C-alpha atoms as a PDB file:
ATOM      1  CA  UNK A   1     -57.548  21.846-129.184  1.00  0.00           C
ATOM      2  CA  UNK A   2     -55.581  20.859-132.298  1.00  0.00           C
ATOM      3  CA  UNK A   3     -53.443  17.744-132.307  1.00  0.00           C
ATOM      4  CA  UNK A   4     -50.348  19.956-132.712  1.00  0.00           C
ATOM      5  CA  UNK A   5     -51.247  21.899-129.552  1.00  0.00           C
ATOM      6  CA  UNK A   6     -51.758  18.635-127.709  1.00  0.00           C
ATOM      7  CA  UNK A   7     -48.296  17.482-128.762  1.00  0.00           C
ATOM      8  CA  UNK A   8     -46.801  20.850-127.796  1.00  0.00           C
ATOM      9  CA  UNK A   9     -48.384  20.742-124.350  1.00  0.00           C
ATOM     10  CA  UNK A  10     -47.046  17.230-123.779  1.00  0.00           C
ATOM     11  CA  UNK A  11     -43.579  18.333-124.761  1.00  0.00           C
ATOM     12  CA  UNK A  12     -43.900  21.454-122.633  1.00  0.00           C
ATOM     13  CA  UNK A  13     -44.727  19.567-119.492  1.00  0.00           C
ATOM     14  CA  UNK A  14     -48.338  18.755-118.724  1.00  0.00           C
ATOM     15  CA  UNK A  15     -46.336  15.978-117.114  1.00  0.00           C
ATOM     16  CA  UNK A  16     -42.550  15.821-116.875  1.00  0.00           C
ATOM     17  CA  UNK A  17     -40.685  12.843-118.407  1.00  0.00           C
ATOM     18  CA  UNK A  18     -41.223   9.774-116.306  1.00  0.00           C
ATOM     19  CA  UNK A  19     -44.601  11.052-115.022  1.00  0.00           C
ATOM     20  CA  UNK A  20     -47.987  10.184-116.532  1.00  0.00           C
ATOM     21  CA  UNK A  21     -50.796  12.723-116.377  1.00  0.00           C
ATOM     22  CA  UNK A  22     -54.110  12.938-118.122  1.00  0.00           C
ATOM     23  CA  UNK A  23     -56.307  15.820-119.086  1.00  0.00           C
ATOM     24  CA  UNK A  24     -59.740  15.874-120.645  1.00  0.00           C
ATOM     25  CA  UNK A  25     -60.219  18.042-123.709  1.00  0.00           C
ATOM     26  CA  UNK A  26     -63.249  17.872-126.023  1.00  0.00           C
ATOM     27  CA  UNK A  27     -64.156  14.278-125.169  1.00  0.00           C
ATOM     28  CA  UNK A  28     -60.571  13.022-125.629  1.00  0.00           C
ATOM     29  CA  UNK A  29     -58.333  11.788-122.849  1.00  0.00           C
ATOM     30  CA  UNK A  30     -54.736  12.773-123.530  1.00  0.00           C
ATOM     31  CA  UNK A  31     -52.076  10.649-121.849  1.00  0.00           C
ATOM     32  CA  UNK A  32     -48.622  12.189-121.779  1.00  0.00           C
ATOM     33  CA  UNK A  33     -45.470  10.409-120.680  1.00  0.00           C
ATOM     34  CA  UNK A  34     -42.905  12.803-122.113  1.00  0.00           C
ATOM     35  CA  UNK A  35     -42.381  10.833-125.302  1.00  0.00           C
ATOM     36  CA  UNK A  36     -45.719   9.748-126.765  1.00  0.00           C
ATOM     37  CA  UNK A  37     -49.349  10.735-126.897  1.00  0.00           C
ATOM     38  CA  UNK A  38     -52.366   8.419-126.793  1.00  0.00           C
ATOM     39  CA  UNK A  39     -55.923   9.535-127.503  1.00  0.00           C
ATOM     40  CA  UNK A  40     -58.728   7.420-126.030  1.00  0.00           C
ATOM     41  CA  UNK A  41     -62.417   8.071-126.530  1.00  0.00           C
ATOM     42  CA  UNK A  42     -64.659   8.362-123.514  1.00  0.00           C
ATOM     43  CA  UNK A  43     -67.651  10.138-124.871  1.00  0.00           C
ATOM     44  CA  UNK A  44     -68.981  11.569-128.080  1.00  0.00           C
ATOM     45  CA  UNK A  45     -65.982  12.300-130.293  1.00  0.00           C
ATOM     46  CA  UNK A  46     -65.524  13.098-133.938  1.00  0.00           C
ATOM     47  CA  UNK A  47     -63.965  10.477-136.201  1.00  0.00           C
ATOM     48  CA  UNK A  48     -61.265  12.984-137.142  1.00  0.00           C
ATOM     49  CA  UNK A  49     -60.006  13.166-133.562  1.00  0.00           C
ATOM     50  CA  UNK A  50     -60.034   9.376-133.231  1.00  0.00           C
ATOM     51  CA  UNK A  51     -58.050   9.061-136.458  1.00  0.00           C
ATOM     52  CA  UNK A  52     -55.526  11.601-135.192  1.00  0.00           C
ATOM     53  CA  UNK A  53     -55.101   9.611-132.001  1.00  0.00           C
ATOM     54  CA  UNK A  54     -54.624   6.365-133.910  1.00  0.00           C
ATOM     55  CA  UNK A  55     -51.958   7.953-136.077  1.00  0.00           C
ATOM     56  CA  UNK A  56     -50.090   9.211-133.012  1.00  0.00           C
ATOM     57  CA  UNK A  57     -50.264   5.813-131.314  1.00  0.00           C
ATOM     58  CA  UNK A  58     -49.012   4.049-134.471  1.00  0.00           C
ATOM     59  CA  UNK A  59     -46.193   6.550-134.888  1.00  0.00           C
ATOM     60  CA  UNK A  60     -44.852   5.662-131.442  1.00  0.00           C
ATOM     61  CA  UNK A  61     -44.481   1.946-132.287  1.00  0.00           C
ATOM     62  CA  UNK A  62     -41.760   0.322-134.417  1.00  0.00           C
ATOM     63  CA  UNK A  63     -42.888  -0.688-137.901  1.00  0.00           C
ATOM     64  CA  UNK A  64     -41.993  -4.289-137.130  1.00  0.00           C
ATOM     65  CA  UNK A  65     -45.076  -4.404-134.877  1.00  0.00           C
ATOM     66  CA  UNK A  66     -47.275  -4.076-137.962  1.00  0.00           C
ATOM     67  CA  UNK A  67     -45.743  -6.729-140.202  1.00  0.00           C
ATOM     68  CA  UNK A  68     -48.045  -9.430-141.594  1.00  0.00           C
ATOM     69  CA  UNK A  69     -46.530 -12.888-141.297  1.00  0.00           C
ATOM     70  CA  UNK A  70     -48.063 -14.253-144.494  1.00  0.00           C
ATOM     71  CA  UNK A  71     -46.686 -11.345-146.520  1.00  0.00           C
ATOM     72  CA  UNK A  72     -43.273 -11.799-144.880  1.00  0.00           C
ATOM     73  CA  UNK A  73     -43.316 -15.485-145.805  1.00  0.00           C
ATOM     74  CA  UNK A  74     -44.146 -14.659-149.419  1.00  0.00           C
ATOM     75  CA  UNK A  75     -41.255 -12.179-149.603  1.00  0.00           C
ATOM     76  CA  UNK A  76     -38.865 -14.681-147.997  1.00  0.00           C
ATOM     77  CA  UNK A  77     -39.955 -17.164-150.652  1.00  0.00           C
ATOM     78  CA  UNK A  78     -39.042 -14.770-153.456  1.00  0.00           C
ATOM     79  CA  UNK A  79     -35.682 -14.101-151.812  1.00  0.00           C
ATOM     80  CA  UNK A  80     -35.017 -17.858-151.648  1.00  0.00           C
ATOM     81  CA  UNK A  81     -34.707 -17.858-155.453  1.00  0.00           C
ATOM     82  CA  UNK A  82     -31.749 -15.477-155.404  1.00  0.00           C
ATOM     83  CA  UNK A  83     -28.941 -17.322-157.148  1.00  0.00           C
ATOM     84  CA  UNK A  84     -31.218 -20.293-157.912  1.00  0.00           C
ATOM     85  CA  UNK A  85     -32.600 -21.186-161.332  1.00  0.00           C
ATOM     86  CA  UNK A  86     -35.419 -23.355-159.990  1.00  0.00           C
ATOM     87  CA  UNK A  87     -36.628 -24.708-156.644  1.00  0.00           C
ATOM     88  CA  UNK A  88     -39.199 -27.331-155.690  1.00  0.00           C
ATOM     89  CA  UNK A  89     -41.846 -27.374-152.978  1.00  0.00           C
ATOM     90  CA  UNK A  90     -39.838 -29.679-150.688  1.00  0.00           C
ATOM     91  CA  UNK A  91     -36.696 -27.551-150.874  1.00  0.00           C
ATOM     92  CA  UNK A  92     -38.647 -24.337-150.262  1.00  0.00           C
ATOM     93  CA  UNK A  93     -40.391 -25.971-147.317  1.00  0.00           C
ATOM     94  CA  UNK A  94     -37.017 -26.895-145.833  1.00  0.00           C
ATOM     95  CA  UNK A  95     -35.442 -23.476-146.394  1.00  0.00           C
ATOM     96  CA  UNK A  96     -38.416 -21.467-145.156  1.00  0.00           C
ATOM     97  CA  UNK A  97     -39.330 -23.922-142.381  1.00  0.00           C
ATOM     98  CA  UNK A  98     -42.929 -23.958-143.525  1.00  0.00           C
ATOM     99  CA  UNK A  99     -45.355 -26.832-144.060  1.00  0.00           C
ATOM    100  CA  UNK A 100     -45.574 -27.971-147.684  1.00  0.00           C
ATOM    101  CA  UNK A 101     -49.259 -27.011-147.836  1.00  0.00           C
ATOM    102  CA  UNK A 102     -48.392 -23.427-146.863  1.00  0.00           C
ATOM    103  CA  UNK A 103     -45.561 -23.358-149.393  1.00  0.00           C
ATOM    104  CA  UNK A 104     -47.874 -24.555-152.155  1.00  0.00           C
ATOM    105  CA  UNK A 105     -50.486 -21.913-151.326  1.00  0.00           C
ATOM    106  CA  UNK A 106     -47.864 -19.156-151.357  1.00  0.00           C
ATOM    107  CA  UNK A 107     -46.505 -20.412-154.678  1.00  0.00           C
ATOM    108  CA  UNK A 108     -49.994 -20.518-156.161  1.00  0.00           C
ATOM    109  CA  UNK A 109     -50.660 -16.935-155.081  1.00  0.00           C
ATOM    110  CA  UNK A 110     -47.345 -15.630-156.417  1.00  0.00           C
ATOM    111  CA  UNK A 111     -47.809 -17.576-159.656  1.00  0.00           C
ATOM    112  CA  UNK A 112     -51.280 -16.102-160.135  1.00  0.00           C
ATOM    113  CA  UNK A 113     -49.801 -12.594-159.900  1.00  0.00           C
ATOM    114  CA  UNK A 114     -46.855 -13.359-162.202  1.00  0.00           C
ATOM    115  CA  UNK A 115     -44.043 -13.333-159.632  1.00  0.00           C
ATOM    116  CA  UNK A 116     -43.472 -17.098-159.863  1.00  0.00           C
ATOM    117  CA  UNK A 117     -43.602 -19.488-162.828  1.00  0.00           C
ATOM    118  CA  UNK A 118     -43.733 -23.284-162.900  1.00  0.00           C
ATOM    119  CA  UNK A 119     -41.565 -25.150-165.384  1.00  0.00           C
ATOM    120  CA  UNK A 120     -43.459 -27.475-167.740  1.00  0.00           C
ATOM    121  CA  UNK A 121     -40.436 -29.779-167.928  1.00  0.00           C
ATOM    122  CA  UNK A 122     -39.363 -30.111-164.299  1.00  0.00           C
ATOM    123  CA  UNK A 123     -42.521 -29.011-162.428  1.00  0.00           C
ATOM    124  CA  UNK A 124     -40.235 -26.882-160.279  1.00  0.00           C
ATOM    125  CA  UNK A 125     -40.655 -23.142-159.756  1.00  0.00           C
ATOM    126  CA  UNK A 126     -38.663 -20.110-160.869  1.00  0.00           C
ATOM    127  CA  UNK A 127     -38.993 -16.328-160.643  1.00  0.00           C
ATOM    128  CA  UNK A 128     -41.621 -14.862-162.950  1.00  0.00           C
ATOM    129  CA  UNK A 129     -41.405 -12.011-165.435  1.00  0.00           C
ATOM    130  CA  UNK A 130     -43.152  -9.641-163.024  1.00  0.00           C
ATOM    131  CA  UNK A 131     -39.988  -9.627-160.882  1.00  0.00           C
ATOM    132  CA  UNK A 132     -38.004  -8.442-163.892  1.00  0.00           C
ATOM    133  CA  UNK A 133     -40.549  -5.727-164.591  1.00  0.00           C
ATOM    134  CA  UNK A 134     -40.301  -4.426-161.029  1.00  0.00           C
ATOM    135  CA  UNK A 135     -36.510  -4.510-161.174  1.00  0.00           C
ATOM    136  CA  UNK A 136     -36.521  -2.466-164.355  1.00  0.00           C
ATOM    137  CA  UNK A 137     -38.971  -0.027-162.805  1.00  0.00           C
ATOM    138  CA  UNK A 138     -36.639   0.458-159.838  1.00  0.00           C
ATOM    139  CA  UNK A 139     -33.572   0.960-162.020  1.00  0.00           C
ATOM    140  CA  UNK A 140     -35.460   3.422-164.207  1.00  0.00           C
ATOM    141  CA  UNK A 141     -36.624   5.616-161.335  1.00  0.00           C
ATOM    142  CA  UNK A 142     -33.854   5.371-158.729  1.00  0.00           C
ATOM    143  CA  UNK A 143     -31.857   8.566-159.129  1.00  0.00           C
ATOM    144  CA  UNK A 144     -28.580   7.229-157.749  1.00  0.00           C
ATOM    145  CA  UNK A 145     -28.722   4.183-160.002  1.00  0.00           C
ATOM    146  CA  UNK A 146     -29.479   6.237-163.109  1.00  0.00           C
ATOM    147  CA  UNK A 147     -26.772   8.798-162.463  1.00  0.00           C
ATOM    148  CA  UNK A 148     -24.192   6.196-161.462  1.00  0.00           C
ATOM    149  CA  UNK A 149     -24.196   4.245-164.709  1.00  0.00           C
ATOM    150  CA  UNK A 150     -22.086   6.611-166.853  1.00  0.00           C
ATOM    151  CA  UNK A 151     -19.721   7.188-163.916  1.00  0.00           C
ATOM    152  CA  UNK A 152     -19.225   3.450-163.490  1.00  0.00           C
ATOM    153  CA  UNK A 153     -18.563   3.076-167.219  1.00  0.00           C
ATOM    154  CA  UNK A 154     -15.974   5.842-167.152  1.00  0.00           C
ATOM    155  CA  UNK A 155     -14.265   4.455-164.039  1.00  0.00           C
ATOM    156  CA  UNK A 156     -14.078   0.953-165.492  1.00  0.00           C
ATOM    157  CA  UNK A 157     -12.559   2.310-168.709  1.00  0.00           C
ATOM    158  CA  UNK A 158     -10.006   4.407-166.767  1.00  0.00           C
ATOM    159  CA  UNK A 159      -8.694   1.666-164.473  1.00  0.00           C
ATOM    160  CA  UNK A 160      -9.370  -1.344-166.680  1.00  0.00           C
ATOM    161  CA  UNK A 161     -11.241  -3.213-163.931  1.00  0.00           C
ATOM    162  CA  UNK A 162     -14.845  -4.019-163.041  1.00  0.00           C
ATOM    163  CA  UNK A 163     -16.669  -1.214-161.227  1.00  0.00           C
ATOM    164  CA  UNK A 164     -19.562  -1.598-158.796  1.00  0.00           C
ATOM    165  CA  UNK A 165     -22.320   0.420-157.098  1.00  0.00           C
ATOM    166  CA  UNK A 166     -23.739  -0.899-153.826  1.00  0.00           C
ATOM    167  CA  UNK A 167     -25.745  -0.010-150.725  1.00  0.00           C
ATOM    168  CA  UNK A 168     -25.908  -1.411-147.198  1.00  0.00           C
ATOM    169  CA  UNK A 169     -28.961  -3.399-146.118  1.00  0.00           C
ATOM    170  CA  UNK A 170     -29.139  -5.316-142.814  1.00  0.00           C
ATOM    171  CA  UNK A 171     -25.332  -5.234-142.481  1.00  0.00           C
ATOM    172  CA  UNK A 172     -24.925  -6.784-145.937  1.00  0.00           C
ATOM    173  CA  UNK A 173     -23.728  -5.242-149.176  1.00  0.00           C
ATOM    174  CA  UNK A 174     -26.327  -5.249-151.959  1.00  0.00           C
ATOM    175  CA  UNK A 175     -24.856  -4.734-155.437  1.00  0.00           C
ATOM    176  CA  UNK A 176     -27.118  -2.475-157.497  1.00  0.00           C
ATOM    177  CA  UNK A 177     -25.118  -2.171-160.703  1.00  0.00           C
ATOM    178  CA  UNK A 178     -21.745  -2.858-162.210  1.00  0.00           C
ATOM    179  CA  UNK A 179     -19.702  -2.464-165.374  1.00  0.00           C
ATOM    180  CA  UNK A 180     -17.496  -5.396-166.281  1.00  0.00           C
ATOM    181  CA  UNK A 181     -13.921  -4.937-167.421  1.00  0.00           C
ATOM    182  CA  UNK A 182     -12.811  -5.875-170.942  1.00  0.00           C
ATOM    183  CA  UNK A 183      -9.807  -7.765-169.580  1.00  0.00           C
ATOM    184  CA  UNK A 184      -9.497 -11.490-170.309  1.00  0.00           C
ATOM    185  CA  UNK A 185      -9.465 -12.254-166.571  1.00  0.00           C
ATOM    186  CA  UNK A 186     -12.268 -10.264-164.898  1.00  0.00           C
ATOM    187  CA  UNK A 187     -14.592 -10.207-161.899  1.00  0.00           C
ATOM    188  CA  UNK A 188     -18.326 -10.279-162.538  1.00  0.00           C
ATOM    189  CA  UNK A 189     -20.538  -7.226-161.997  1.00  0.00           C
ATOM    190  CA  UNK A 190     -22.542  -9.077-159.268  1.00  0.00           C
ATOM    191  CA  UNK A 191     -25.649  -6.934-159.759  1.00  0.00           C
ATOM    192  CA  UNK A 192     -28.383  -8.075-157.392  1.00  0.00           C
ATOM    193  CA  UNK A 193     -26.040 -10.119-155.206  1.00  0.00           C
ATOM    194  CA  UNK A 194     -25.484  -9.750-151.468  1.00  0.00           C
ATOM    195  CA  UNK A 195     -22.159 -10.107-149.670  1.00  0.00           C
ATOM    196  CA  UNK A 196     -21.119  -9.694-146.011  1.00  0.00           C
ATOM    197  CA  UNK A 197     -20.124  -6.158-145.076  1.00  0.00           C
ATOM    198  CA  UNK A 198     -17.235  -7.035-142.748  1.00  0.00           C
ATOM    199  CA  UNK A 199     -15.030  -8.596-145.440  1.00  0.00           C
ATOM    200  CA  UNK A 200     -15.654  -6.386-148.488  1.00  0.00           C
ATOM    201  CA  UNK A 201     -14.289  -2.965-149.380  1.00  0.00           C
ATOM    202  CA  UNK A 202     -17.810  -1.795-150.177  1.00  0.00           C
ATOM    203  CA  UNK A 203     -19.114  -2.997-146.827  1.00  0.00           C
ATOM    204  CA  UNK A 204     -16.266  -1.515-144.818  1.00  0.00           C
ATOM    205  CA  UNK A 205     -16.586   1.900-146.433  1.00  0.00           C
ATOM    206  CA  UNK A 206     -20.366   1.892-145.910  1.00  0.00           C
ATOM    207  CA  UNK A 207     -19.827   0.982-142.246  1.00  0.00           C
ATOM    208  CA  UNK A 208     -16.816   3.218-141.631  1.00  0.00           C
ATOM    209  CA  UNK A 209     -18.110   6.323-143.415  1.00  0.00           C
ATOM    210  CA  UNK A 210     -21.759   5.809-142.489  1.00  0.00           C
ATOM    211  CA  UNK A 211     -23.691   6.981-139.471  1.00  0.00           C
ATOM    212  CA  UNK A 212     -22.222   5.844-136.155  1.00  0.00           C
ATOM    213  CA  UNK A 213     -25.502   4.105-135.297  1.00  0.00           C
ATOM    214  CA  UNK A 214     -24.828   1.585-138.077  1.00  0.00           C
ATOM    215  CA  UNK A 215     -21.623   0.464-136.379  1.00  0.00           C
ATOM    216  CA  UNK A 216     -23.347   0.424-133.013  1.00  0.00           C
ATOM    217  CA  UNK A 217     -26.146  -1.791-134.294  1.00  0.00           C
ATOM    218  CA  UNK A 218     -23.636  -4.172-135.862  1.00  0.00           C
ATOM    219  CA  UNK A 219     -21.736  -4.355-132.587  1.00  0.00           C
ATOM    220  CA  UNK A 220     -24.954  -5.213-130.759  1.00  0.00           C
ATOM    221  CA  UNK A 221     -25.758  -7.838-133.383  1.00  0.00           C
ATOM    222  CA  UNK A 222     -22.372  -9.531-132.919  1.00  0.00           C
ATOM    223  CA  UNK A 223     -22.673  -9.408-129.135  1.00  0.00           C
ATOM    224  CA  UNK A 224     -26.091 -11.016-129.548  1.00  0.00           C
ATOM    225  CA  UNK A 225     -24.588 -14.038-131.267  1.00  0.00           C
ATOM    226  CA  UNK A 226     -24.082 -12.997-134.895  1.00  0.00           C
ATOM    227  CA  UNK A 227     -20.829 -14.468-136.222  1.00  0.00           C
ATOM    228  CA  UNK A 228     -18.410 -12.631-138.510  1.00  0.00           C
ATOM    229  CA  UNK A 229     -17.859 -15.551-140.859  1.00  0.00           C
ATOM    230  CA  UNK A 230     -14.336 -16.107-142.202  1.00  0.00           C
ATOM    231  CA  UNK A 231     -14.522 -16.189-145.996  1.00  0.00           C
ATOM    232  CA  UNK A 232     -10.743 -16.534-146.354  1.00  0.00           C
ATOM    233  CA  UNK A 233      -7.703 -16.678-144.093  1.00  0.00           C
ATOM    234  CA  UNK A 234      -7.477 -12.867-144.369  1.00  0.00           C
ATOM    235  CA  UNK A 235     -11.036 -12.121-143.209  1.00  0.00           C
ATOM    236  CA  UNK A 236     -11.332  -9.980-140.072  1.00  0.00           C
ATOM    237  CA  UNK A 237     -13.509 -11.960-137.662  1.00  0.00           C
ATOM    238  CA  UNK A 238     -12.635 -10.089-134.450  1.00  0.00           C
ATOM    239  CA  UNK A 239     -15.089  -7.249-133.809  1.00  0.00           C
ATOM    240  CA  UNK A 240     -12.541  -4.943-132.161  1.00  0.00           C
ATOM    241  CA  UNK A 241     -10.054  -5.391-135.016  1.00  0.00           C
ATOM    242  CA  UNK A 242     -12.833  -4.681-137.486  1.00  0.00           C
ATOM    243  CA  UNK A 243     -13.814  -1.498-135.653  1.00  0.00           C
ATOM    244  CA  UNK A 244     -10.159  -0.408-135.587  1.00  0.00           C
ATOM    245  CA  UNK A 245     -10.047  -0.774-139.360  1.00  0.00           C
ATOM    246  CA  UNK A 246     -13.330   1.099-139.739  1.00  0.00           C
ATOM    247  CA  UNK A 247     -11.772   4.045-137.894  1.00  0.00           C
ATOM    248  CA  UNK A 248      -8.921   3.990-140.415  1.00  0.00           C
ATOM    249  CA  UNK A 249     -11.442   3.870-143.244  1.00  0.00           C
ATOM    250  CA  UNK A 250     -13.296   6.873-141.838  1.00  0.00           C
ATOM    251  CA  UNK A 251     -10.035   8.820-141.614  1.00  0.00           C
ATOM    252  CA  UNK A 252      -8.731   8.107-145.114  1.00  0.00           C
ATOM    253  CA  UNK A 253     -12.113   8.123-146.855  1.00  0.00           C
ATOM    254  CA  UNK A 254     -11.791   4.782-148.661  1.00  0.00           C
ATOM    255  CA  UNK A 255     -11.584   1.070-147.879  1.00  0.00           C
ATOM    256  CA  UNK A 256      -9.662  -1.849-149.346  1.00  0.00           C
ATOM    257  CA  UNK A 257     -10.229  -5.587-149.360  1.00  0.00           C
ATOM    258  CA  UNK A 258      -7.097  -7.649-149.903  1.00  0.00           C
ATOM    259  CA  UNK A 259      -8.300 -11.235-150.440  1.00  0.00           C
ATOM    260  CA  UNK A 260     -10.667 -10.908-147.460  1.00  0.00           C
ATOM    261  CA  UNK A 261     -13.793 -11.973-149.347  1.00  0.00           C
ATOM    262  CA  UNK A 262     -12.256 -14.168-152.048  1.00  0.00           C
ATOM    263  CA  UNK A 263      -8.711 -15.426-152.331  1.00  0.00           C
ATOM    264  CA  UNK A 264      -6.764 -13.566-155.005  1.00  0.00           C
ATOM    265  CA  UNK A 265      -9.361 -10.798-155.354  1.00  0.00           C
ATOM    266  CA  UNK A 266      -8.628  -7.194-154.335  1.00  0.00           C
ATOM    267  CA  UNK A 267     -11.143  -4.334-154.121  1.00  0.00           C
ATOM    268  CA  UNK A 268     -11.166  -0.628-153.318  1.00  0.00           C
ATOM    269  CA  UNK A 269     -14.275   1.418-152.452  1.00  0.00           C
ATOM    270  CA  UNK A 270     -15.268   5.022-151.674  1.00  0.00           C
ATOM    271  CA  UNK A 271     -18.504   6.460-150.222  1.00  0.00           C
ATOM    272  CA  UNK A 272     -21.321   8.187-152.107  1.00  0.00           C
ATOM    273  CA  UNK A 273     -23.151  10.950-150.206  1.00  0.00           C
ATOM    274  CA  UNK A 274     -26.460  12.735-150.687  1.00  0.00           C
ATOM    275  CA  UNK A 275     -27.461  16.374-150.250  1.00  0.00           C
ATOM    276  CA  UNK A 276     -27.425  16.054-146.456  1.00  0.00           C
ATOM    277  CA  UNK A 277     -23.893  14.657-146.450  1.00  0.00           C
ATOM    278  CA  UNK A 278     -25.050  11.199-145.379  1.00  0.00           C
ATOM    279  CA  UNK A 279     -23.406   8.124-146.906  1.00  0.00           C
ATOM    280  CA  UNK A 280     -26.067   6.406-149.021  1.00  0.00           C
ATOM    281  CA  UNK A 281     -23.968   4.084-151.163  1.00  0.00           C
ATOM    282  CA  UNK A 282     -20.492   3.281-152.394  1.00  0.00           C
ATOM    283  CA  UNK A 283     -18.545   2.834-155.618  1.00  0.00           C
ATOM    284  CA  UNK A 284     -15.749   0.288-155.979  1.00  0.00           C
ATOM    285  CA  UNK A 285     -13.400  -1.449-158.366  1.00  0.00           C
ATOM    286  CA  UNK A 286     -12.338  -5.082-158.126  1.00  0.00           C
ATOM    287  CA  UNK A 287      -9.854  -7.305-159.896  1.00  0.00           C
ATOM    288  CA  UNK A 288      -7.162  -9.933-159.449  1.00  0.00           C
ATOM    289  CA  UNK A 289      -4.566  -9.182-156.805  1.00  0.00           C
ATOM    290  CA  UNK A 290      -1.663  -9.148-159.269  1.00  0.00           C
ATOM    291  CA  UNK A 291      -3.298  -6.223-161.145  1.00  0.00           C
ATOM    292  CA  UNK A 292      -4.422  -4.425-157.970  1.00  0.00           C
ATOM    293  CA  UNK A 293      -1.470  -4.636-155.562  1.00  0.00           C
ATOM    294  CA  UNK A 294      -1.699  -2.875-152.206  1.00  0.00           C
ATOM    295  CA  UNK A 295       0.672  -0.087-153.232  1.00  0.00           C
ATOM    296  CA  UNK A 296      -1.328   0.765-156.346  1.00  0.00           C
ATOM    297  CA  UNK A 297      -4.643   0.758-154.470  1.00  0.00           C
ATOM    298  CA  UNK A 298      -3.401   3.207-151.844  1.00  0.00           C
ATOM    299  CA  UNK A 299      -1.778   5.483-154.420  1.00  0.00           C
ATOM    300  CA  UNK A 300      -3.238   6.210-157.863  1.00  0.00           C
ATOM    301  CA  UNK A 301      -6.295   3.929-157.779  1.00  0.00           C
ATOM    302  CA  UNK A 302      -7.681   5.365-154.540  1.00  0.00           C
ATOM    303  CA  UNK A 303      -7.718   8.845-156.109  1.00  0.00           C
ATOM    304  CA  UNK A 304      -9.556   7.553-159.181  1.00  0.00           C
ATOM    305  CA  UNK A 305     -12.239   5.747-157.174  1.00  0.00           C
ATOM    306  CA  UNK A 306     -12.627   8.703-154.796  1.00  0.00           C
ATOM    307  CA  UNK A 307     -13.022  11.040-157.771  1.00  0.00           C
ATOM    308  CA  UNK A 308     -15.751   8.827-159.259  1.00  0.00           C
ATOM    309  CA  UNK A 309     -17.630   8.636-155.936  1.00  0.00           C
ATOM    310  CA  UNK A 310     -17.310  12.397-155.491  1.00  0.00           C
ATOM    311  CA  UNK A 311     -18.744  13.028-158.980  1.00  0.00           C
ATOM    312  CA  UNK A 312     -21.783  10.931-158.165  1.00  0.00           C
ATOM    313  CA  UNK A 313     -22.166  12.612-154.760  1.00  0.00           C
ATOM    314  CA  UNK A 314     -22.135  16.063-156.384  1.00  0.00           C
ATOM    315  CA  UNK A 315     -24.777  14.951-158.894  1.00  0.00           C
ATOM    316  CA  UNK A 316     -26.941  13.796-155.975  1.00  0.00           C
ATOM    317  CA  UNK A 317     -26.740  17.200-154.321  1.00  0.00           C
ATOM    318  CA  UNK A 318     -23.820  16.845-151.927  1.00  0.00           C
ATOM    319  CA  UNK A 319     -22.014  20.118-151.447  1.00  0.00           C
ATOM    320  CA  UNK A 320     -18.352  20.490-152.310  1.00  0.00           C
ATOM    321  CA  UNK A 321     -17.496  20.457-148.608  1.00  0.00           C
ATOM    322  CA  UNK A 322     -19.201  17.088-148.109  1.00  0.00           C
ATOM    323  CA  UNK A 323     -17.088  15.209-150.658  1.00  0.00           C
END
């Protein structure tokens, strides 16, 4: 019996959900519980059937069950350098909560492969050129990033403010690209930086216009002890008030940040959607509050940012009805 037929029979009710039955077929014991299939050998069986069973078992487990701690530690080490020019072994040991010997071995491995370099002058460590090469490879092949660049440039020229492209990762905003304004007083492009989602226009539009499961998972995270940190006196730190604002964002199709992340800084963001209509990113503008007053953001500027996000969505395959 093919693996597809085995799956079909389990769905069809060899055993109803909540029951566990087993049936022997061609030397394979098939266990069905209404949601997963396990294949266990109890006799002469071909390797192909065993492989199929292993794949089905693995597919039923979360990917987090297969993470390798040493690899995770190495990745956390690379992330520790974000915003840092150089770091030493002692500081990395403190931040990662690892023994200095383990830190040194990880550094040696990453240095050997070009992801970390050691300074001849300070003996401290910094990111290696291989990280830059990977970053350039990502930017050269990511379709949204490539298509967004000219749209960001046009938006920045139209409104005279810095424009941004970002995505949501682990309830944080990750800035992928930005075009800086030519004004004397400007905000930086922030490419590569992370910011909290609850206090940024980009984060609120990604939460409010994204899949409902994203909001649900954030709610669970807060109930589990995660704190909505106040960045300024205007930051929303009450979960219910935040969710009320996210409903407003979903209704109007854009989000604003009025000095919620940084005092004196205002932002406005709109969602970017793919061919399935799902929100996959967001475009925003940011600038000093005196150039981006509330009235202007909700009037002319919101239409300009929405138009830019819609152009990118259409280029990524979103239908006219989805934007």
